[in-house]
Structure formats: C-alpha cells, structure tokens
Amino acid sequence: MALLSYRLYTLSNRPTLILLHGFLGSQMDWLEFIPSLNKHFSILAFDLPGHGSSINLNKRQYNFRDCAQEIVGVIRQQRTNHCFLLGYSLGGRLSLYLALTFPKMFQKLILESASPGLLMRSRRQQRIRTDRQWIKILKTQGLRYFLKKWYRQPIFDSVQKNYRRLRTLINTRMKNKPQELIYSLRGMGLGAQPSLWHHLKRLSIPTLCITGGLDQKIQTLAQVMAQHSPRIQVTILPDSGHNIHFENPKIFLQKIIPFLTQ
C-alpha cells in the first residue's frame, strides 16, 4: 500500500506525466491544468511528505531517497510506461533527483523554478540554520504569520503585488499542518537535500528549465545548469516570478505542452 497520497487521472494508451508540487502545496495545485494535460497524458499527481494527505508518516520518510523510492514504487504498481516528470520548486528538486537516480524510467523532465541544490557544504549548513529559524516561527507564531512572512521573501515579490492573488494563496496554504511542514523543512529543505550539481553531466533525458524573469536567482541557476549538461534547455518567462504556474497559468501551459509532446 502506498504511503504517499496520489491521484491518477488515467487515459488508456497515453504516456504518464508525474506532477510534483512545491513546499506548502499539494496535488490540488495542479487541478486547473488537468483538463489540458489530460488531452495528451495520463496524470499521476502526488502529495509530497508533510503536504496534502501525505501526513503522519514515519519521520524517517521525510527525505529525498525514501520519497523517490515511494514514487517509483507507485509508478511500477500502476504499470505505467513512457513516464514524464514535471516538478515545481521542491517538487522540481525531487524530480531532478528522480531523473538522475532512475534514468531509465523517465523520458523528459520539466523543472519549474528548481535547482540541483547547494554545492558547498557551508552553504547547506547555512540554509539549515535558516530553516531552523522558519521552524521557530512556525512553533511560536503560528501558521498564518509564517505564511505571511514566507511570501514576503524577494522571490515572491511578483505575488506580493497582487493582494487578491496573495490572499487566495495564503488561505489555500492554511490547510497545512505546522508540524508536518516542520518535518518537511528538516528532511527535504534545500539544506537537507544532497547536492546534484556534480551529477548533471549524467542527465540523459531532454530537460526544460522554466524560470521567471523576475526570479533572477533561479534564472541564473538555470543558465549555469545548462552549462553543465547539453540535455538542458532554459525558457525564461519575463513577467513571472518564482511560482510561474500560479502567476501565469496559460503561458505556462503554452510552454510545457510543446516540449513534452514533440
């Protein structure tokens, strides 16, 4: 029995597209995209550990290795062939890990606002300290305060400018459970993630890094990633920030479907 919650939107004789959401999200983040994507693919959308219905897991399961093995187990159980991967932020980092760890299982990869992790150990330690500060806020100030502060980070500037959109996002994220988010930050945060930079040269499948032009940090990282692997191409959407599919869903679809179907 699968430990991770997932939903399969299946169509016979169609390749399968795996959807992995970002931190604070859930499989429901992709709901508005399912009708368009289902024209070309069967869809397998997961709740990552600590999110959606994938909660109350063993604490040791909140990590990249065990989560990846669980996802692969579900794929094999479903007997799906010709799999494609699409992941946003945390889900993108995990998607890259999956593609590198199980190279024969996937045909194409899309990384939305994602990175291979932090190369230097000192940077990873620094990020772990930062995540401990976020955990302290969750414990002492509560989830709503945490969310408001989280979305004040520079990478979400473009979301901040639209109050109605920001309010909708925060209200949706209030469904999360603080203790589960703590487990996620500890086990699957950027500092806890194994660096994948040295493994990019092994990337064997066509990969699209899609980034927002307003997210300069990730944009730069994507361009550096492309220098490490000839399999990577970069698409930049000028009027988008970190959460591209939330900010500009129509343009997002216009970019990803041709890449996946060509």
C-alpha atoms as a PDB file:
ATOM      1  CA  MET A   1       0.000   0.000   0.000  1.00  0.00           C
ATOM      2  CA  ALA A   2       1.375   3.418  -0.970  1.00  0.00           C
ATOM      3  CA  LEU A   3       2.345   5.733   1.882  1.00  0.00           C
ATOM      4  CA  LEU A   4       2.140   8.864  -0.236  1.00  0.00           C
ATOM      5  CA  SER A   5      -1.264  10.166  -1.261  1.00  0.00           C
ATOM      6  CA  TYR A   6      -1.750  10.468  -5.013  1.00  0.00           C
ATOM      7  CA  ARG A   7      -4.416  10.653  -7.671  1.00  0.00           C
ATOM      8  CA  LEU A   8      -4.343   9.070 -11.098  1.00  0.00           C
ATOM      9  CA  TYR A   9      -6.177  10.762 -13.946  1.00  0.00           C
ATOM     10  CA  THR A  10      -5.852   7.952 -16.447  1.00  0.00           C
ATOM     11  CA  LEU A  11      -6.437   7.595 -20.156  1.00  0.00           C
ATOM     12  CA  SER A  12      -5.607   4.349 -21.913  1.00  0.00           C
ATOM     13  CA  ASN A  13      -2.637   4.239 -24.275  1.00  0.00           C
ATOM     14  CA  ARG A  14      -1.341   7.627 -23.151  1.00  0.00           C
ATOM     15  CA  PRO A  15       2.073   8.265 -21.620  1.00  0.00           C
ATOM     16  CA  THR A  16       2.041   9.220 -17.943  1.00  0.00           C
ATOM     17  CA  LEU A  17       3.017  12.651 -16.625  1.00  0.00           C
ATOM     18  CA  ILE A  18       4.123  12.785 -12.975  1.00  0.00           C
ATOM     19  CA  LEU A  19       3.290  16.091 -11.223  1.00  0.00           C
ATOM     20  CA  LEU A  20       5.163  17.131  -8.065  1.00  0.00           C
ATOM     21  CA  HIS A  21       4.177  20.308  -6.232  1.00  0.00           C
ATOM     22  CA  GLY A  22       6.270  22.747  -4.217  1.00  0.00           C
ATOM     23  CA  PHE A  23       6.680  23.396  -0.500  1.00  0.00           C
ATOM     24  CA  LEU A  24       3.341  24.340   1.142  1.00  0.00           C
ATOM     25  CA  GLY A  25       1.395  22.973  -1.851  1.00  0.00           C
ATOM     26  CA  SER A  26      -0.388  19.744  -2.681  1.00  0.00           C
ATOM     27  CA  GLN A  27      -1.529  17.746  -5.686  1.00  0.00           C
ATOM     28  CA  MET A  28      -4.524  20.098  -5.841  1.00  0.00           C
ATOM     29  CA  ASP A  29      -2.206  22.867  -7.065  1.00  0.00           C
ATOM     30  CA  TRP A  30      -2.319  21.211 -10.497  1.00  0.00           C
ATOM     31  CA  LEU A  31      -6.095  20.799 -10.667  1.00  0.00           C
ATOM     32  CA  GLU A  32      -6.760  23.589 -13.181  1.00  0.00           C
ATOM     33  CA  PHE A  33      -4.135  22.112 -15.533  1.00  0.00           C
ATOM     34  CA  ILE A  34      -5.512  18.561 -15.562  1.00  0.00           C
ATOM     35  CA  PRO A  35      -8.065  19.039 -18.411  1.00  0.00           C
ATOM     36  CA  SER A  36      -5.424  20.470 -20.768  1.00  0.00           C
ATOM     37  CA  LEU A  37      -2.713  17.995 -19.810  1.00  0.00           C
ATOM     38  CA  ASN A  38      -5.120  15.058 -19.886  1.00  0.00           C
ATOM     39  CA  LYS A  39      -5.576  15.591 -23.621  1.00  0.00           C
ATOM     40  CA  HIS A  40      -2.048  14.251 -24.057  1.00  0.00           C
ATOM     41  CA  PHE A  41      -1.208  12.284 -20.914  1.00  0.00           C
ATOM     42  CA  SER A  42      -2.456  10.192 -18.087  1.00  0.00           C
ATOM     43  CA  ILE A  43      -1.678  12.223 -14.969  1.00  0.00           C
ATOM     44  CA  LEU A  44      -0.205  10.957 -11.694  1.00  0.00           C
ATOM     45  CA  ALA A  45      -0.194  13.769  -9.112  1.00  0.00           C
ATOM     46  CA  PHE A  46       1.346  13.238  -5.670  1.00  0.00           C
ATOM     47  CA  ASP A  47       1.140  14.853  -2.260  1.00  0.00           C
ATOM     48  CA  LEU A  48       4.741  15.057  -1.056  1.00  0.00           C
ATOM     49  CA  PRO A  49       5.589  14.154   2.564  1.00  0.00           C
ATOM     50  CA  GLY A  50       4.057  16.599   5.022  1.00  0.00           C
ATOM     51  CA  HIS A  51       1.615  18.021   2.471  1.00  0.00           C
ATOM     52  CA  GLY A  52      -1.972  17.321   1.469  1.00  0.00           C
ATOM     53  CA  SER A  53      -2.928  13.864   2.685  1.00  0.00           C
ATOM     54  CA  SER A  54       0.655  12.558   2.877  1.00  0.00           C
ATOM     55  CA  ILE A  55       0.895  13.164   6.612  1.00  0.00           C
ATOM     56  CA  ASN A  56       1.594  11.198   9.793  1.00  0.00           C
ATOM     57  CA  LEU A  57       4.380   9.310   8.056  1.00  0.00           C
ATOM     58  CA  ASN A  58       7.376   7.812   9.798  1.00  0.00           C
ATOM     59  CA  LYS A  59       9.756  10.713  10.490  1.00  0.00           C
ATOM     60  CA  ARG A  60      12.495   8.937   8.522  1.00  0.00           C
ATOM     61  CA  GLN A  61      10.364   9.092   5.358  1.00  0.00           C
ATOM     62  CA  TYR A  62      10.639  12.875   5.043  1.00  0.00           C
ATOM     63  CA  ASN A  63      13.698  12.752   2.797  1.00  0.00           C
ATOM     64  CA  PHE A  64      14.574  12.602  -0.881  1.00  0.00           C
ATOM     65  CA  ARG A  65      15.712   8.983  -1.014  1.00  0.00           C
ATOM     66  CA  ASP A  66      12.695   7.388   0.622  1.00  0.00           C
ATOM     67  CA  CYS A  67      10.232   9.731  -1.088  1.00  0.00           C
ATOM     68  CA  ALA A  68      11.733   8.970  -4.505  1.00  0.00           C
ATOM     69  CA  GLN A  69      11.583   5.238  -3.873  1.00  0.00           C
ATOM     70  CA  GLU A  70       7.939   5.552  -2.838  1.00  0.00           C
ATOM     71  CA  ILE A  71       7.059   7.454  -6.026  1.00  0.00           C
ATOM     72  CA  VAL A  72       8.853   4.878  -8.169  1.00  0.00           C
ATOM     73  CA  GLY A  73       7.005   2.126  -6.308  1.00  0.00           C
ATOM     74  CA  VAL A  74       3.669   3.708  -7.216  1.00  0.00           C
ATOM     75  CA  ILE A  75       4.728   4.094 -10.845  1.00  0.00           C
ATOM     76  CA  ARG A  76       5.663   0.417 -11.028  1.00  0.00           C
ATOM     77  CA  GLN A  77       2.455  -0.587  -9.265  1.00  0.00           C
ATOM     78  CA  GLN A  78       0.441   1.334 -11.850  1.00  0.00           C
ATOM     79  CA  ARG A  79       2.460  -0.379 -14.610  1.00  0.00           C
ATOM     80  CA  THR A  80       2.802   2.906 -16.421  1.00  0.00           C
ATOM     81  CA  ASN A  81       5.226   3.284 -19.305  1.00  0.00           C
ATOM     82  CA  HIS A  82       6.758   6.291 -21.054  1.00  0.00           C
ATOM     83  CA  CYS A  83       6.795   8.496 -17.957  1.00  0.00           C
ATOM     84  CA  PHE A  84       7.428  12.230 -17.965  1.00  0.00           C
ATOM     85  CA  LEU A  85       8.253  14.398 -14.952  1.00  0.00           C
ATOM     86  CA  LEU A  86       7.163  17.917 -14.056  1.00  0.00           C
ATOM     87  CA  GLY A  87       8.080  19.444 -10.710  1.00  0.00           C
ATOM     88  CA  TYR A  88       7.862  22.902  -9.172  1.00  0.00           C
ATOM     89  CA  SER A  89      10.460  24.191  -6.668  1.00  0.00           C
ATOM     90  CA  LEU A  90      10.701  21.431  -4.020  1.00  0.00           C
ATOM     91  CA  GLY A  91       8.936  19.116  -6.472  1.00  0.00           C
ATOM     92  CA  GLY A  92      11.399  20.159  -9.165  1.00  0.00           C
ATOM     93  CA  ARG A  93      14.392  19.383  -6.990  1.00  0.00           C
ATOM     94  CA  LEU A  94      12.878  15.983  -6.254  1.00  0.00           C
ATOM     95  CA  SER A  95      12.106  15.455  -9.953  1.00  0.00           C
ATOM     96  CA  LEU A  96      15.740  16.054 -10.846  1.00  0.00           C
ATOM     97  CA  TYR A  97      16.785  13.583  -8.158  1.00  0.00           C
ATOM     98  CA  LEU A  98      14.371  11.010  -9.620  1.00  0.00           C
ATOM     99  CA  ALA A  99      15.616  11.518 -13.167  1.00  0.00           C
ATOM    100  CA  LEU A 100      19.232  11.072 -12.084  1.00  0.00           C
ATOM    101  CA  THR A 101      18.579   8.126  -9.757  1.00  0.00           C
ATOM    102  CA  PHE A 102      16.223   6.221 -12.059  1.00  0.00           C
ATOM    103  CA  PRO A 103      17.404   7.317 -15.529  1.00  0.00           C
ATOM    104  CA  LYS A 104      15.654   4.563 -17.492  1.00  0.00           C
ATOM    105  CA  MET A 105      12.241   5.288 -16.034  1.00  0.00           C
ATOM    106  CA  PHE A 106      11.623   8.773 -17.456  1.00  0.00           C
ATOM    107  CA  GLN A 107      11.650  10.248 -20.952  1.00  0.00           C
ATOM    108  CA  LYS A 108      11.502  14.009 -20.386  1.00  0.00           C
ATOM    109  CA  LEU A 109      11.831  16.359 -17.438  1.00  0.00           C
ATOM    110  CA  ILE A 110      10.489  19.842 -16.700  1.00  0.00           C
ATOM    111  CA  LEU A 111      11.937  21.805 -13.789  1.00  0.00           C
ATOM    112  CA  GLU A 112       9.922  24.863 -12.817  1.00  0.00           C
ATOM    113  CA  SER A 113      11.903  27.246 -10.607  1.00  0.00           C
ATOM    114  CA  ALA A 114      14.120  24.458  -9.305  1.00  0.00           C
ATOM    115  CA  SER A 115      17.817  23.876  -8.675  1.00  0.00           C
ATOM    116  CA  PRO A 116      20.214  20.963  -8.120  1.00  0.00           C
ATOM    117  CA  GLY A 117      20.644  22.037  -4.507  1.00  0.00           C
ATOM    118  CA  LEU A 118      23.574  23.785  -2.827  1.00  0.00           C
ATOM    119  CA  LEU A 119      27.060  22.800  -3.941  1.00  0.00           C
ATOM    120  CA  MET A 120      29.108  23.843  -0.910  1.00  0.00           C
ATOM    121  CA  ARG A 121      28.672  22.193   2.468  1.00  0.00           C
ATOM    122  CA  SER A 122      28.944  25.569   4.202  1.00  0.00           C
ATOM    123  CA  ARG A 123      26.005  26.861   2.153  1.00  0.00           C
ATOM    124  CA  ARG A 124      23.937  23.817   3.062  1.00  0.00           C
ATOM    125  CA  GLN A 125      24.701  24.337   6.743  1.00  0.00           C
ATOM    126  CA  GLN A 126      23.733  27.988   6.441  1.00  0.00           C
ATOM    127  CA  ARG A 127      20.432  27.029   4.807  1.00  0.00           C
ATOM    128  CA  ILE A 128      19.723  24.503   7.568  1.00  0.00           C
ATOM    129  CA  ARG A 129      20.178  27.306  10.111  1.00  0.00           C
ATOM    130  CA  THR A 130      17.772  29.467   8.115  1.00  0.00           C
ATOM    131  CA  ASP A 131      15.197  26.682   8.023  1.00  0.00           C
ATOM    132  CA  ARG A 132      15.531  26.322  11.804  1.00  0.00           C
ATOM    133  CA  GLN A 133      14.515  29.971  12.073  1.00  0.00           C
ATOM    134  CA  TRP A 134      11.447  29.262   9.918  1.00  0.00           C
ATOM    135  CA  ILE A 135      10.654  26.288  12.146  1.00  0.00           C
ATOM    136  CA  LYS A 136      10.879  28.506  15.221  1.00  0.00           C
ATOM    137  CA  ILE A 137       8.400  30.915  13.633  1.00  0.00           C
ATOM    138  CA  LEU A 138       6.003  28.045  12.930  1.00  0.00           C
ATOM    139  CA  LYS A 139       6.263  26.857  16.523  1.00  0.00           C
ATOM    140  CA  THR A 140       5.944  30.239  18.217  1.00  0.00           C
ATOM    141  CA  GLN A 141       3.933  32.464  15.860  1.00  0.00           C
ATOM    142  CA  GLY A 142       1.599  30.040  14.114  1.00  0.00           C
ATOM    143  CA  LEU A 143       0.887  29.134  10.513  1.00  0.00           C
ATOM    144  CA  ARG A 144      -0.791  32.323   9.277  1.00  0.00           C
ATOM    145  CA  TYR A 145       2.055  34.540  10.491  1.00  0.00           C
ATOM    146  CA  PHE A 146       4.544  32.073   8.979  1.00  0.00           C
ATOM    147  CA  LEU A 147       2.797  32.206   5.598  1.00  0.00           C
ATOM    148  CA  LYS A 148       2.659  35.986   5.514  1.00  0.00           C
ATOM    149  CA  LYS A 149       6.361  36.171   6.318  1.00  0.00           C
ATOM    150  CA  TRP A 150       7.225  33.356   3.872  1.00  0.00           C
ATOM    151  CA  TYR A 151       5.577  35.156   0.986  1.00  0.00           C
ATOM    152  CA  ARG A 152       7.401  38.371   1.823  1.00  0.00           C
ATOM    153  CA  GLN A 153      10.619  36.766   0.593  1.00  0.00           C
ATOM    154  CA  PRO A 154      12.079  38.507  -2.503  1.00  0.00           C
ATOM    155  CA  ILE A 155      11.369  35.531  -4.790  1.00  0.00           C
ATOM    156  CA  PHE A 156       7.645  36.138  -4.229  1.00  0.00           C
ATOM    157  CA  ASP A 157       7.702  39.883  -4.939  1.00  0.00           C
ATOM    158  CA  SER A 158       5.515  39.457  -8.015  1.00  0.00           C
ATOM    159  CA  VAL A 159       2.864  37.630  -5.944  1.00  0.00           C
ATOM    160  CA  GLN A 160       3.009  40.315  -3.253  1.00  0.00           C
ATOM    161  CA  LYS A 161       1.970  42.959  -5.773  1.00  0.00           C
ATOM    162  CA  ASN A 162      -1.391  41.276  -6.331  1.00  0.00           C
ATOM    163  CA  TYR A 163      -3.207  41.361  -2.970  1.00  0.00           C
ATOM    164  CA  ARG A 164      -6.168  39.275  -4.108  1.00  0.00           C
ATOM    165  CA  ARG A 165      -3.907  36.565  -5.503  1.00  0.00           C
ATOM    166  CA  LEU A 166      -1.757  36.600  -2.367  1.00  0.00           C
ATOM    167  CA  ARG A 167      -4.798  36.302  -0.101  1.00  0.00           C
ATOM    168  CA  THR A 168      -6.068  33.338  -2.131  1.00  0.00           C
ATOM    169  CA  LEU A 169      -2.677  31.655  -1.895  1.00  0.00           C
ATOM    170  CA  ILE A 170      -2.373  32.140   1.871  1.00  0.00           C
ATOM    171  CA  ASN A 171      -5.914  30.924   2.518  1.00  0.00           C
ATOM    172  CA  THR A 172      -5.181  27.784   0.497  1.00  0.00           C
ATOM    173  CA  ARG A 173      -1.904  27.189   2.345  1.00  0.00           C
ATOM    174  CA  MET A 174      -3.684  27.451   5.707  1.00  0.00           C
ATOM    175  CA  LYS A 175      -4.799  23.849   5.147  1.00  0.00           C
ATOM    176  CA  ASN A 176      -1.274  22.731   6.018  1.00  0.00           C
ATOM    177  CA  LYS A 177      -0.366  21.300   9.408  1.00  0.00           C
ATOM    178  CA  PRO A 178       2.569  23.135  11.077  1.00  0.00           C
ATOM    179  CA  GLN A 179       4.236  20.017  12.480  1.00  0.00           C
ATOM    180  CA  GLU A 180       4.166  18.349   9.055  1.00  0.00           C
ATOM    181  CA  LEU A 181       5.797  21.416   7.485  1.00  0.00           C
ATOM    182  CA  ILE A 182       8.484  21.238  10.161  1.00  0.00           C
ATOM    183  CA  TYR A 183       9.234  17.641   9.207  1.00  0.00           C
ATOM    184  CA  SER A 184       9.392  18.668   5.539  1.00  0.00           C
ATOM    185  CA  LEU A 185      11.786  21.553   6.187  1.00  0.00           C
ATOM    186  CA  ARG A 186      14.048  19.347   8.288  1.00  0.00           C
ATOM    187  CA  GLY A 187      14.186  16.432   5.894  1.00  0.00           C
ATOM    188  CA  MET A 188      13.577  17.885   2.421  1.00  0.00           C
ATOM    189  CA  GLY A 189      14.616  21.518   2.671  1.00  0.00           C
ATOM    190  CA  LEU A 190      17.308  22.899   0.408  1.00  0.00           C
ATOM    191  CA  GLY A 191      19.962  22.423   3.088  1.00  0.00           C
ATOM    192  CA  ALA A 192      19.000  18.795   3.711  1.00  0.00           C
ATOM    193  CA  GLN A 193      18.944  17.928   0.007  1.00  0.00           C
ATOM    194  CA  PRO A 194      22.005  16.171  -1.419  1.00  0.00           C
ATOM    195  CA  SER A 195      23.739  18.388  -3.969  1.00  0.00           C
ATOM    196  CA  LEU A 196      23.148  17.184  -7.538  1.00  0.00           C
ATOM    197  CA  TRP A 197      25.483  19.599  -9.312  1.00  0.00           C
ATOM    198  CA  HIS A 198      28.218  17.035  -9.989  1.00  0.00           C
ATOM    199  CA  HIS A 199      25.633  14.603 -11.373  1.00  0.00           C
ATOM    200  CA  LEU A 200      24.157  16.914 -14.015  1.00  0.00           C
ATOM    201  CA  LYS A 201      26.619  15.599 -16.598  1.00  0.00           C
ATOM    202  CA  ARG A 202      24.857  12.209 -16.231  1.00  0.00           C
ATOM    203  CA  LEU A 203      21.456  13.648 -17.113  1.00  0.00           C
ATOM    204  CA  SER A 204      20.299  11.522 -20.032  1.00  0.00           C
ATOM    205  CA  ILE A 205      16.864  12.906 -20.931  1.00  0.00           C
ATOM    206  CA  PRO A 206      15.706  16.172 -22.531  1.00  0.00           C
ATOM    207  CA  THR A 207      15.156  18.682 -19.748  1.00  0.00           C
ATOM    208  CA  LEU A 208      13.412  22.043 -19.743  1.00  0.00           C
ATOM    209  CA  CYS A 209      14.240  24.538 -17.005  1.00  0.00           C
ATOM    210  CA  ILE A 210      11.434  27.071 -16.983  1.00  0.00           C
ATOM    211  CA  THR A 211      12.052  30.155 -14.853  1.00  0.00           C
ATOM    212  CA  GLY A 212      10.505  33.546 -14.237  1.00  0.00           C
ATOM    213  CA  GLY A 213      12.319  36.604 -15.460  1.00  0.00           C
ATOM    214  CA  LEU A 214      11.508  38.297 -12.146  1.00  0.00           C
ATOM    215  CA  ASP A 215      13.204  35.468 -10.227  1.00  0.00           C
ATOM    216  CA  GLN A 216      16.785  36.426 -11.002  1.00  0.00           C
ATOM    217  CA  LYS A 217      18.358  33.889  -8.639  1.00  0.00           C
ATOM    218  CA  ILE A 218      16.702  30.845 -10.193  1.00  0.00           C
ATOM    219  CA  GLN A 219      17.129  32.285 -13.681  1.00  0.00           C
ATOM    220  CA  THR A 220      20.890  32.462 -13.154  1.00  0.00           C
ATOM    221  CA  LEU A 221      20.995  28.963 -11.656  1.00  0.00           C
ATOM    222  CA  ALA A 222      19.123  27.539 -14.654  1.00  0.00           C
ATOM    223  CA  GLN A 223      21.595  29.097 -17.064  1.00  0.00           C
ATOM    224  CA  VAL A 224      24.511  27.624 -15.106  1.00  0.00           C
ATOM    225  CA  MET A 225      22.785  24.237 -15.094  1.00  0.00           C
ATOM    226  CA  ALA A 226      22.578  24.373 -18.890  1.00  0.00           C
ATOM    227  CA  GLN A 227      26.352  24.836 -18.989  1.00  0.00           C
ATOM    228  CA  HIS A 228      26.733  21.571 -17.057  1.00  0.00           C
ATOM    229  CA  SER A 229      24.518  19.467 -19.323  1.00  0.00           C
ATOM    230  CA  PRO A 230      23.744  19.563 -23.044  1.00  0.00           C
ATOM    231  CA  ARG A 231      20.377  17.952 -22.245  1.00  0.00           C
ATOM    232  CA  ILE A 232      19.123  21.102 -20.513  1.00  0.00           C
ATOM    233  CA  GLN A 233      17.399  23.981 -22.244  1.00  0.00           C
ATOM    234  CA  VAL A 234      16.194  27.123 -20.482  1.00  0.00           C
ATOM    235  CA  THR A 235      12.975  29.075 -21.041  1.00  0.00           C
ATOM    236  CA  ILE A 236      12.503  32.394 -19.265  1.00  0.00           C
ATOM    237  CA  LEU A 237       9.074  33.997 -18.867  1.00  0.00           C
ATOM    238  CA  PRO A 238       9.725  37.745 -18.458  1.00  0.00           C
ATOM    239  CA  ASP A 239       6.592  38.688 -16.485  1.00  0.00           C
ATOM    240  CA  SER A 240       6.692  35.813 -13.986  1.00  0.00           C
ATOM    241  CA  GLY A 241       8.300  35.302 -10.616  1.00  0.00           C
ATOM    242  CA  HIS A 242       9.044  32.074  -8.762  1.00  0.00           C
ATOM    243  CA  ASN A 243       5.605  30.452  -8.945  1.00  0.00           C
ATOM    244  CA  ILE A 244       5.060  30.589 -12.705  1.00  0.00           C
ATOM    245  CA  HIS A 245       2.129  28.186 -12.995  1.00  0.00           C
ATOM    246  CA  PHE A 246       0.230  30.143 -10.348  1.00  0.00           C
ATOM    247  CA  GLU A 247       1.002  33.597 -11.743  1.00  0.00           C
ATOM    248  CA  ASN A 248       0.667  32.880 -15.475  1.00  0.00           C
ATOM    249  CA  PRO A 249      -1.089  29.523 -15.979  1.00  0.00           C
ATOM    250  CA  LYS A 250      -1.964  29.984 -19.670  1.00  0.00           C
ATOM    251  CA  ILE A 251       1.570  30.914 -20.695  1.00  0.00           C
ATOM    252  CA  PHE A 252       2.918  28.104 -18.542  1.00  0.00           C
ATOM    253  CA  LEU A 253       0.834  25.560 -20.464  1.00  0.00           C
ATOM    254  CA  GLN A 254       1.860  27.100 -23.782  1.00  0.00           C
ATOM    255  CA  LYS A 255       5.500  26.447 -22.906  1.00  0.00           C
ATOM    256  CA  ILE A 256       5.357  22.996 -21.368  1.00  0.00           C
ATOM    257  CA  ILE A 257       2.961  21.100 -23.674  1.00  0.00           C
ATOM    258  CA  PRO A 258       5.012  21.539 -26.895  1.00  0.00           C
ATOM    259  CA  PHE A 259       8.169  20.463 -25.071  1.00  0.00           C
ATOM    260  CA  LEU A 260       6.501  17.336 -23.692  1.00  0.00           C
ATOM    261  CA  THR A 261       4.699  16.323 -26.880  1.00  0.00           C
ATOM    262  CA  GLN A 262       7.333  17.000 -29.566  1.00  0.00           C
END
